[in-house]
Each structure stands twice: as C-alpha cells, then as structure tokens.
N, C-alpha and C. Protein backbone atom coordinates (compact mmCIF):
# COMPACT_ATOMS: atom_id res chain seq x y z
N UNK A 1 -17.09 46.11 -5.62
CA UNK A 1 -16.17 46.58 -4.64
C UNK A 1 -16.69 47.91 -4.12
N UNK A 2 -17.05 47.97 -2.88
CA UNK A 2 -17.50 49.22 -2.28
C UNK A 2 -16.30 50.12 -2.07
N UNK A 3 -16.51 51.40 -2.22
CA UNK A 3 -15.43 52.33 -2.03
C UNK A 3 -15.91 53.62 -1.44
N UNK A 4 -14.99 54.35 -0.84
CA UNK A 4 -15.24 55.71 -0.39
C UNK A 4 -14.61 56.63 -1.42
N UNK A 5 -15.37 57.61 -1.84
CA UNK A 5 -14.92 58.50 -2.90
C UNK A 5 -14.32 59.77 -2.31
N UNK A 6 -13.12 60.11 -2.73
CA UNK A 6 -12.45 61.34 -2.30
C UNK A 6 -12.18 62.15 -3.57
N UNK A 7 -12.94 63.20 -3.80
CA UNK A 7 -12.79 63.98 -5.02
C UNK A 7 -11.51 64.80 -4.96
N UNK A 8 -10.71 64.70 -6.00
CA UNK A 8 -9.47 65.45 -6.13
C UNK A 8 -9.68 66.64 -7.07
N UNK A 9 -10.35 66.42 -8.18
CA UNK A 9 -10.72 67.47 -9.13
C UNK A 9 -11.91 66.95 -9.91
N UNK A 10 -12.34 67.68 -10.90
CA UNK A 10 -13.49 67.20 -11.67
C UNK A 10 -13.16 65.97 -12.50
N UNK A 11 -11.92 65.85 -12.96
CA UNK A 11 -11.55 64.73 -13.82
C UNK A 11 -10.75 63.65 -13.11
N UNK A 12 -10.25 63.91 -11.90
CA UNK A 12 -9.44 62.95 -11.16
C UNK A 12 -10.01 62.75 -9.76
N UNK A 13 -9.91 61.53 -9.27
CA UNK A 13 -10.36 61.24 -7.91
C UNK A 13 -9.52 60.10 -7.35
N UNK A 14 -9.30 60.11 -6.04
CA UNK A 14 -8.72 58.97 -5.35
C UNK A 14 -9.86 58.21 -4.70
N UNK A 15 -9.84 56.91 -4.83
CA UNK A 15 -10.87 56.07 -4.22
C UNK A 15 -10.17 55.02 -3.39
N UNK A 16 -10.65 54.83 -2.19
CA UNK A 16 -10.09 53.82 -1.30
C UNK A 16 -10.91 52.54 -1.42
N UNK A 17 -10.27 51.44 -1.75
CA UNK A 17 -10.96 50.16 -1.90
C UNK A 17 -11.33 49.59 -0.54
N UNK A 18 -12.46 48.89 -0.50
CA UNK A 18 -12.92 48.36 0.78
C UNK A 18 -13.32 46.89 0.74
N UNK A 19 -13.23 46.25 -0.41
CA UNK A 19 -13.67 44.85 -0.47
C UNK A 19 -12.66 43.98 -1.22
N UNK A 20 -12.99 42.72 -1.34
CA UNK A 20 -12.12 41.74 -1.99
C UNK A 20 -12.53 41.44 -3.44
N UNK A 21 -13.42 42.21 -4.03
CA UNK A 21 -13.92 41.84 -5.36
C UNK A 21 -12.84 41.88 -6.45
N UNK A 22 -11.78 42.64 -6.26
CA UNK A 22 -10.70 42.70 -7.25
C UNK A 22 -9.41 42.07 -6.73
N UNK A 23 -9.51 41.38 -5.62
CA UNK A 23 -8.35 40.71 -5.02
C UNK A 23 -7.90 39.58 -5.93
N UNK A 24 -6.65 39.33 -6.15
CA UNK A 24 -5.47 39.87 -5.51
C UNK A 24 -4.89 41.11 -6.19
N UNK A 25 -5.44 41.54 -7.34
CA UNK A 25 -4.88 42.69 -8.05
C UNK A 25 -5.01 43.96 -7.21
N UNK A 26 -6.17 44.18 -6.63
CA UNK A 26 -6.40 45.30 -5.71
C UNK A 26 -6.74 44.73 -4.35
N UNK A 27 -6.20 45.35 -3.32
CA UNK A 27 -6.43 44.87 -1.96
C UNK A 27 -7.23 45.91 -1.18
N UNK A 28 -8.03 45.46 -0.22
CA UNK A 28 -8.78 46.42 0.59
C UNK A 28 -7.83 47.43 1.26
N UNK A 29 -8.23 48.69 1.24
CA UNK A 29 -7.42 49.74 1.84
C UNK A 29 -6.49 50.45 0.88
N UNK A 30 -6.30 49.91 -0.32
CA UNK A 30 -5.46 50.59 -1.30
C UNK A 30 -6.24 51.74 -1.94
N UNK A 31 -5.51 52.73 -2.39
CA UNK A 31 -6.14 53.85 -3.08
C UNK A 31 -5.84 53.74 -4.56
N UNK A 32 -6.88 54.00 -5.36
CA UNK A 32 -6.71 54.00 -6.80
C UNK A 32 -7.00 55.41 -7.32
N UNK A 33 -6.23 55.82 -8.30
CA UNK A 33 -6.43 57.11 -8.94
C UNK A 33 -7.32 56.88 -10.15
N UNK A 34 -8.44 57.59 -10.18
CA UNK A 34 -9.44 57.39 -11.23
C UNK A 34 -9.53 58.65 -12.08
N UNK A 35 -9.59 58.44 -13.39
CA UNK A 35 -9.74 59.55 -14.32
C UNK A 35 -11.04 59.40 -15.09
N UNK A 36 -11.75 60.49 -15.21
CA UNK A 36 -12.99 60.49 -16.00
C UNK A 36 -12.59 60.54 -17.47
N UNK A 37 -13.03 59.54 -18.23
CA UNK A 37 -12.75 59.48 -19.67
C UNK A 37 -14.01 59.01 -20.39
N UNK A 38 -14.12 59.24 -21.68
CA UNK A 38 -15.28 58.72 -22.43
C UNK A 38 -15.16 57.21 -22.60
N UNK A 39 -16.29 56.54 -22.66
CA UNK A 39 -16.32 55.08 -22.79
C UNK A 39 -15.63 54.62 -24.07
N UNK A 40 -15.63 55.42 -25.09
CA UNK A 40 -14.99 55.01 -26.35
C UNK A 40 -13.48 54.83 -26.21
N UNK A 41 -12.87 55.45 -25.19
CA UNK A 41 -11.42 55.34 -24.99
C UNK A 41 -11.02 54.13 -24.14
N UNK A 42 -11.99 53.37 -23.67
CA UNK A 42 -11.69 52.20 -22.84
C UNK A 42 -11.12 51.06 -23.66
N UNK A 43 -10.26 50.28 -23.02
CA UNK A 43 -9.69 49.08 -23.64
C UNK A 43 -10.01 47.88 -22.76
N UNK A 44 -10.14 46.73 -23.38
CA UNK A 44 -10.38 45.50 -22.64
C UNK A 44 -9.23 45.32 -21.63
N UNK A 45 -9.59 45.02 -20.39
CA UNK A 45 -8.60 44.87 -19.33
C UNK A 45 -8.53 46.07 -18.41
N UNK A 46 -9.05 47.23 -18.86
CA UNK A 46 -9.04 48.41 -18.01
C UNK A 46 -9.87 48.17 -16.76
N UNK A 47 -9.48 48.80 -15.67
CA UNK A 47 -10.26 48.76 -14.44
C UNK A 47 -11.18 49.97 -14.48
N UNK A 48 -12.48 49.71 -14.49
CA UNK A 48 -13.45 50.80 -14.61
C UNK A 48 -14.25 50.95 -13.33
N UNK A 49 -14.81 52.13 -13.17
CA UNK A 49 -15.66 52.42 -12.02
C UNK A 49 -17.02 52.87 -12.52
N UNK A 50 -18.05 52.41 -11.83
CA UNK A 50 -19.41 52.75 -12.20
C UNK A 50 -20.28 52.77 -10.96
N UNK A 51 -21.40 53.43 -11.10
CA UNK A 51 -22.34 53.53 -9.98
C UNK A 51 -23.35 52.40 -10.07
N UNK A 52 -23.56 51.74 -8.93
CA UNK A 52 -24.58 50.69 -8.81
C UNK A 52 -25.32 50.98 -7.50
N UNK A 53 -26.59 51.23 -7.60
CA UNK A 53 -27.41 51.67 -6.46
C UNK A 53 -26.75 52.87 -5.79
N UNK A 54 -26.34 52.74 -4.55
CA UNK A 54 -25.73 53.87 -3.83
C UNK A 54 -24.24 53.69 -3.59
N UNK A 55 -23.58 52.97 -4.45
CA UNK A 55 -22.15 52.75 -4.25
C UNK A 55 -21.39 52.85 -5.57
N UNK A 56 -20.10 53.01 -5.45
CA UNK A 56 -19.21 53.00 -6.61
C UNK A 56 -18.59 51.61 -6.67
N UNK A 57 -18.63 51.00 -7.85
CA UNK A 57 -18.09 49.65 -8.04
C UNK A 57 -16.87 49.74 -8.95
N UNK A 58 -15.86 48.96 -8.63
CA UNK A 58 -14.62 48.93 -9.39
C UNK A 58 -14.41 47.49 -9.88
N UNK A 59 -14.51 47.29 -11.20
CA UNK A 59 -14.32 45.97 -11.80
C UNK A 59 -13.54 46.11 -13.09
N UNK A 60 -13.16 44.99 -13.64
CA UNK A 60 -12.35 44.97 -14.86
C UNK A 60 -13.25 44.85 -16.09
N UNK A 61 -12.96 45.66 -17.11
CA UNK A 61 -13.70 45.63 -18.37
C UNK A 61 -13.30 44.37 -19.14
N UNK A 62 -14.29 43.52 -19.45
CA UNK A 62 -13.99 42.29 -20.17
C UNK A 62 -14.56 42.28 -21.60
N UNK A 63 -15.49 43.22 -21.87
CA UNK A 63 -16.08 43.28 -23.20
C UNK A 63 -16.70 44.66 -23.39
N UNK A 64 -16.62 45.18 -24.64
CA UNK A 64 -17.19 46.48 -24.96
C UNK A 64 -17.85 46.38 -26.33
N UNK A 65 -19.12 46.78 -26.38
CA UNK A 65 -19.88 46.69 -27.63
C UNK A 65 -20.50 48.05 -27.92
N UNK A 66 -20.42 48.49 -29.16
CA UNK A 66 -21.08 49.73 -29.57
C UNK A 66 -22.41 49.37 -30.20
N UNK A 67 -23.49 49.92 -29.64
CA UNK A 67 -24.84 49.62 -30.10
C UNK A 67 -25.62 50.93 -30.24
N UNK A 68 -26.01 51.26 -31.46
CA UNK A 68 -26.78 52.48 -31.73
C UNK A 68 -26.09 53.73 -31.18
N UNK A 69 -24.79 53.82 -31.36
CA UNK A 69 -24.04 54.99 -30.95
C UNK A 69 -23.67 55.04 -29.47
N UNK A 70 -24.14 54.09 -28.69
CA UNK A 70 -23.83 54.02 -27.25
C UNK A 70 -23.01 52.76 -26.99
N UNK A 71 -22.24 52.80 -25.90
CA UNK A 71 -21.42 51.64 -25.55
C UNK A 71 -22.08 50.83 -24.44
N UNK A 72 -22.04 49.52 -24.62
CA UNK A 72 -22.44 48.59 -23.56
C UNK A 72 -21.15 47.99 -23.02
N UNK A 73 -20.97 48.08 -21.73
CA UNK A 73 -19.75 47.61 -21.10
C UNK A 73 -20.04 46.38 -20.25
N UNK A 74 -19.17 45.40 -20.34
CA UNK A 74 -19.29 44.20 -19.52
C UNK A 74 -18.09 44.16 -18.59
N UNK A 75 -18.36 44.09 -17.29
CA UNK A 75 -17.28 44.11 -16.31
C UNK A 75 -17.47 42.99 -15.30
N UNK A 76 -16.34 42.57 -14.71
CA UNK A 76 -16.37 41.49 -13.71
C UNK A 76 -15.22 41.74 -12.74
N UNK A 77 -15.47 41.45 -11.48
CA UNK A 77 -14.41 41.51 -10.49
C UNK A 77 -13.43 40.38 -10.71
N UNK A 78 -12.16 40.62 -10.45
CA UNK A 78 -11.14 39.58 -10.64
C UNK A 78 -11.40 38.39 -9.72
N UNK A 79 -12.06 38.63 -8.62
CA UNK A 79 -12.33 37.60 -7.62
C UNK A 79 -13.68 36.94 -7.84
N UNK A 80 -14.23 37.05 -9.03
CA UNK A 80 -15.55 36.51 -9.30
C UNK A 80 -15.50 35.49 -10.42
N UNK A 81 -16.13 34.38 -10.20
CA UNK A 81 -16.25 33.37 -11.24
C UNK A 81 -17.54 33.50 -12.00
N UNK A 82 -18.34 34.50 -11.65
CA UNK A 82 -19.65 34.67 -12.28
C UNK A 82 -19.52 35.36 -13.64
N UNK A 83 -20.63 35.42 -14.33
CA UNK A 83 -20.67 36.08 -15.63
C UNK A 83 -20.45 37.58 -15.46
N UNK A 84 -19.93 38.23 -16.49
CA UNK A 84 -19.74 39.68 -16.41
C UNK A 84 -21.07 40.42 -16.26
N UNK A 85 -21.01 41.57 -15.62
CA UNK A 85 -22.18 42.41 -15.41
C UNK A 85 -22.27 43.42 -16.54
N UNK A 86 -23.48 43.63 -17.08
CA UNK A 86 -23.71 44.60 -18.13
C UNK A 86 -23.86 45.98 -17.51
N UNK A 87 -23.11 46.94 -18.02
CA UNK A 87 -23.13 48.30 -17.50
C UNK A 87 -23.43 49.24 -18.65
N UNK A 88 -24.38 50.12 -18.44
CA UNK A 88 -24.66 51.10 -19.49
C UNK A 88 -23.66 52.24 -19.38
N UNK A 89 -23.51 52.95 -20.46
CA UNK A 89 -22.59 54.08 -20.50
C UNK A 89 -23.02 55.17 -19.51
N UNK A 90 -24.30 55.21 -19.18
CA UNK A 90 -24.84 56.23 -18.27
C UNK A 90 -24.26 56.12 -16.86
N UNK A 91 -23.99 54.91 -16.38
CA UNK A 91 -23.51 54.74 -15.01
C UNK A 91 -21.99 54.63 -14.93
N UNK A 92 -21.33 54.60 -16.07
CA UNK A 92 -19.87 54.54 -16.11
C UNK A 92 -19.30 55.84 -15.56
N UNK A 93 -18.33 55.73 -14.66
CA UNK A 93 -17.77 56.89 -13.97
C UNK A 93 -16.38 57.25 -14.48
N UNK A 94 -15.52 56.27 -14.62
CA UNK A 94 -14.15 56.55 -15.06
C UNK A 94 -13.30 55.29 -15.04
N UNK A 95 -12.01 55.48 -15.26
CA UNK A 95 -11.09 54.36 -15.35
C UNK A 95 -9.93 54.59 -14.38
N UNK A 96 -9.48 53.50 -13.76
CA UNK A 96 -8.33 53.58 -12.86
C UNK A 96 -7.07 53.76 -13.69
N UNK A 97 -6.27 54.78 -13.32
CA UNK A 97 -5.02 55.02 -14.05
C UNK A 97 -3.80 54.78 -13.17
N UNK A 98 -4.04 54.55 -11.87
CA UNK A 98 -2.93 54.29 -10.97
C UNK A 98 -3.40 53.65 -9.67
N UNK A 99 -2.48 52.94 -9.03
CA UNK A 99 -2.74 52.32 -7.73
C UNK A 99 -1.66 52.81 -6.77
N UNK A 100 -2.09 53.34 -5.64
CA UNK A 100 -1.15 53.75 -4.61
C UNK A 100 -0.97 52.56 -3.66
N UNK A 101 0.21 51.92 -3.75
CA UNK A 101 0.48 50.72 -2.96
C UNK A 101 1.79 50.89 -2.22
N UNK A 102 1.73 50.82 -0.89
CA UNK A 102 2.93 50.96 -0.05
C UNK A 102 3.73 52.23 -0.37
N UNK A 103 3.01 53.32 -0.58
CA UNK A 103 3.67 54.60 -0.82
C UNK A 103 4.19 54.80 -2.23
N UNK A 104 3.94 53.85 -3.13
CA UNK A 104 4.41 53.94 -4.51
C UNK A 104 3.21 53.93 -5.45
N UNK A 105 3.24 54.82 -6.45
CA UNK A 105 2.16 54.86 -7.44
C UNK A 105 2.50 53.91 -8.59
N UNK A 106 1.60 52.97 -8.85
CA UNK A 106 1.76 52.04 -9.97
C UNK A 106 0.98 52.61 -11.14
N UNK A 107 1.65 52.85 -12.24
CA UNK A 107 1.05 53.44 -13.43
C UNK A 107 0.35 52.35 -14.25
N UNK A 108 -0.98 52.38 -14.27
CA UNK A 108 -1.73 51.36 -15.01
C UNK A 108 -1.71 51.60 -16.52
N UNK A 109 -1.20 52.77 -16.95
CA UNK A 109 -1.10 53.05 -18.38
C UNK A 109 0.21 52.52 -18.98
N UNK A 110 1.10 52.05 -18.13
CA UNK A 110 2.37 51.51 -18.62
C UNK A 110 2.11 50.25 -19.44
N UNK A 111 2.93 50.04 -20.44
CA UNK A 111 2.75 48.91 -21.35
C UNK A 111 2.70 47.57 -20.61
N UNK A 112 3.58 47.41 -19.63
CA UNK A 112 3.62 46.16 -18.85
C UNK A 112 2.30 45.93 -18.12
N UNK A 113 1.77 46.97 -17.50
CA UNK A 113 0.50 46.85 -16.76
C UNK A 113 -0.66 46.57 -17.70
N UNK A 114 -0.65 47.18 -18.88
CA UNK A 114 -1.72 46.92 -19.85
C UNK A 114 -1.69 45.46 -20.30
N UNK A 115 -0.49 44.92 -20.47
CA UNK A 115 -0.36 43.51 -20.83
C UNK A 115 -0.92 42.62 -19.71
N UNK A 116 -0.55 42.93 -18.47
CA UNK A 116 -1.03 42.16 -17.32
C UNK A 116 -2.55 42.25 -17.23
N UNK A 117 -3.12 43.44 -17.41
CA UNK A 117 -4.57 43.61 -17.35
C UNK A 117 -5.28 42.77 -18.40
N UNK A 118 -4.75 42.76 -19.60
CA UNK A 118 -5.35 41.98 -20.68
C UNK A 118 -5.22 40.47 -20.38
N UNK A 119 -4.09 40.07 -19.85
CA UNK A 119 -3.87 38.67 -19.49
C UNK A 119 -4.86 38.21 -18.41
N UNK A 120 -5.12 39.07 -17.45
CA UNK A 120 -6.09 38.73 -16.40
C UNK A 120 -7.47 38.49 -17.01
N UNK A 121 -7.86 39.27 -18.00
CA UNK A 121 -9.15 39.07 -18.67
C UNK A 121 -9.18 37.71 -19.35
N UNK A 122 -8.09 37.34 -20.00
CA UNK A 122 -8.04 36.09 -20.75
C UNK A 122 -8.07 34.86 -19.84
N UNK A 123 -7.42 34.94 -18.67
CA UNK A 123 -7.39 33.77 -17.78
C UNK A 123 -8.51 33.78 -16.76
N UNK A 124 -9.31 34.86 -16.74
CA UNK A 124 -10.41 34.98 -15.79
C UNK A 124 -11.33 33.76 -15.73
N UNK A 125 -11.73 33.19 -16.88
CA UNK A 125 -12.62 32.02 -16.83
C UNK A 125 -12.01 30.82 -16.09
N UNK A 126 -10.69 30.74 -16.03
CA UNK A 126 -10.06 29.64 -15.31
C UNK A 126 -10.25 29.76 -13.79
N UNK A 127 -10.49 31.00 -13.35
CA UNK A 127 -10.66 31.25 -11.91
C UNK A 127 -11.81 30.39 -11.36
N UNK A 128 -12.84 30.20 -12.16
CA UNK A 128 -13.99 29.41 -11.74
C UNK A 128 -13.58 28.01 -11.30
N UNK A 129 -12.66 27.42 -12.01
CA UNK A 129 -12.21 26.07 -11.67
C UNK A 129 -11.47 26.00 -10.35
N UNK A 130 -10.76 27.06 -10.02
CA UNK A 130 -9.95 27.07 -8.80
C UNK A 130 -10.63 27.81 -7.65
N UNK A 131 -11.86 28.22 -7.85
CA UNK A 131 -12.58 29.01 -6.85
C UNK A 131 -12.65 28.34 -5.48
N UNK A 132 -12.94 27.03 -5.38
CA UNK A 132 -13.01 26.42 -4.04
C UNK A 132 -11.71 26.56 -3.25
N UNK A 133 -10.57 26.44 -3.91
CA UNK A 133 -9.28 26.58 -3.23
C UNK A 133 -9.04 28.02 -2.83
N UNK A 134 -9.45 28.92 -3.69
CA UNK A 134 -9.30 30.33 -3.41
C UNK A 134 -10.14 30.75 -2.21
N UNK A 135 -11.36 30.25 -2.13
CA UNK A 135 -12.25 30.56 -1.00
C UNK A 135 -11.61 30.10 0.31
N UNK A 136 -11.02 28.92 0.30
CA UNK A 136 -10.35 28.43 1.51
C UNK A 136 -9.17 29.34 1.87
N UNK A 137 -8.40 29.77 0.87
CA UNK A 137 -7.26 30.65 1.12
C UNK A 137 -7.73 32.00 1.65
N UNK A 138 -8.77 32.55 1.06
CA UNK A 138 -9.28 33.84 1.50
C UNK A 138 -9.77 33.78 2.94
N UNK A 139 -10.44 32.69 3.31
CA UNK A 139 -10.91 32.52 4.68
C UNK A 139 -9.70 32.46 5.63
N UNK A 140 -8.67 31.78 5.21
CA UNK A 140 -7.46 31.70 6.02
C UNK A 140 -6.85 33.09 6.24
N UNK A 141 -6.79 33.89 5.16
CA UNK A 141 -6.23 35.24 5.26
C UNK A 141 -7.06 36.10 6.19
N UNK A 142 -8.38 36.03 6.08
CA UNK A 142 -9.25 36.82 6.96
C UNK A 142 -9.11 36.40 8.42
N UNK A 143 -9.05 35.10 8.65
CA UNK A 143 -8.93 34.60 10.03
C UNK A 143 -7.57 34.91 10.62
N UNK A 144 -6.56 35.01 9.79
CA UNK A 144 -5.20 35.27 10.25
C UNK A 144 -5.05 36.69 10.80
N UNK A 145 -5.81 37.62 10.23
CA UNK A 145 -5.74 39.02 10.70
C UNK A 145 -6.23 39.09 12.11
C-alpha cells in the first residue's frame, strides 16, 4: 500500500492510504495513526508499516519469529491471496494504532479491534478461494466512481 507520510512527532505519524492492498479494512484516502514501537511488542494481526524501496507499505502482521536476537516479520495485505512477505526488523517502521474514518478515530488497541485483527489473519487464506469474485467486485467499484 503506497502512502504519503505526514510526520506528527518522532514517535507518531499520520499516513494517508493510497491503494487497495488492505481493502476492505482500510480504504484509499483514509488516514492511519502510526506509532513507532519495538518489534518485540508486535502481536499477530497488528497492522504494521515498513519501508520497501522508496515507499512505505502498510500490511497485516501474520507471523513473527525471533531468530538470533532479531525478529523476522511476515506481513500480507488483506487484499492479497499471495504468501506473506518477509520483513526484517531493520525496515520495520511502526504499527497502526488508529484509523481516522469519516471524522471518527477508530482505536485499534481496543479489545474488539484486536479480536477482529486476529480473526482477519485466521481467515486470510480463505480469501484466495474467493479472489475471482472479489476482483470482479473491485472492478465494479472502480468503474462506478
């Protein structure tokens, strides 16, 4: 998910989403509040941000492994049926702690949201089976605009 970075402070930033990689959970044009945290504090289901080439990517953490004192992170966009991408701790930027949607801040640290995030990780593999229908729906949504 490509994004434009708007620095708020050293530990907090607002990022505006620009792609469909996390759709339907995140929609293009929404702003997410990102907090810089150590990789050891991440939980499966968290939405993480990392640098890839010259862009910031926002995907969901699906697996975390500690290897020789460093963390290996596996992340995947909600809109992807592909295998998770391996991310080193070096390129990890932070974790989304809120979504600004229609003028309301959604707290991603709330127990309900954490449950939903974890559930999305568990049902993610099923997305692959329904991908053809989703692609048709997404094309319809784009053409409708």
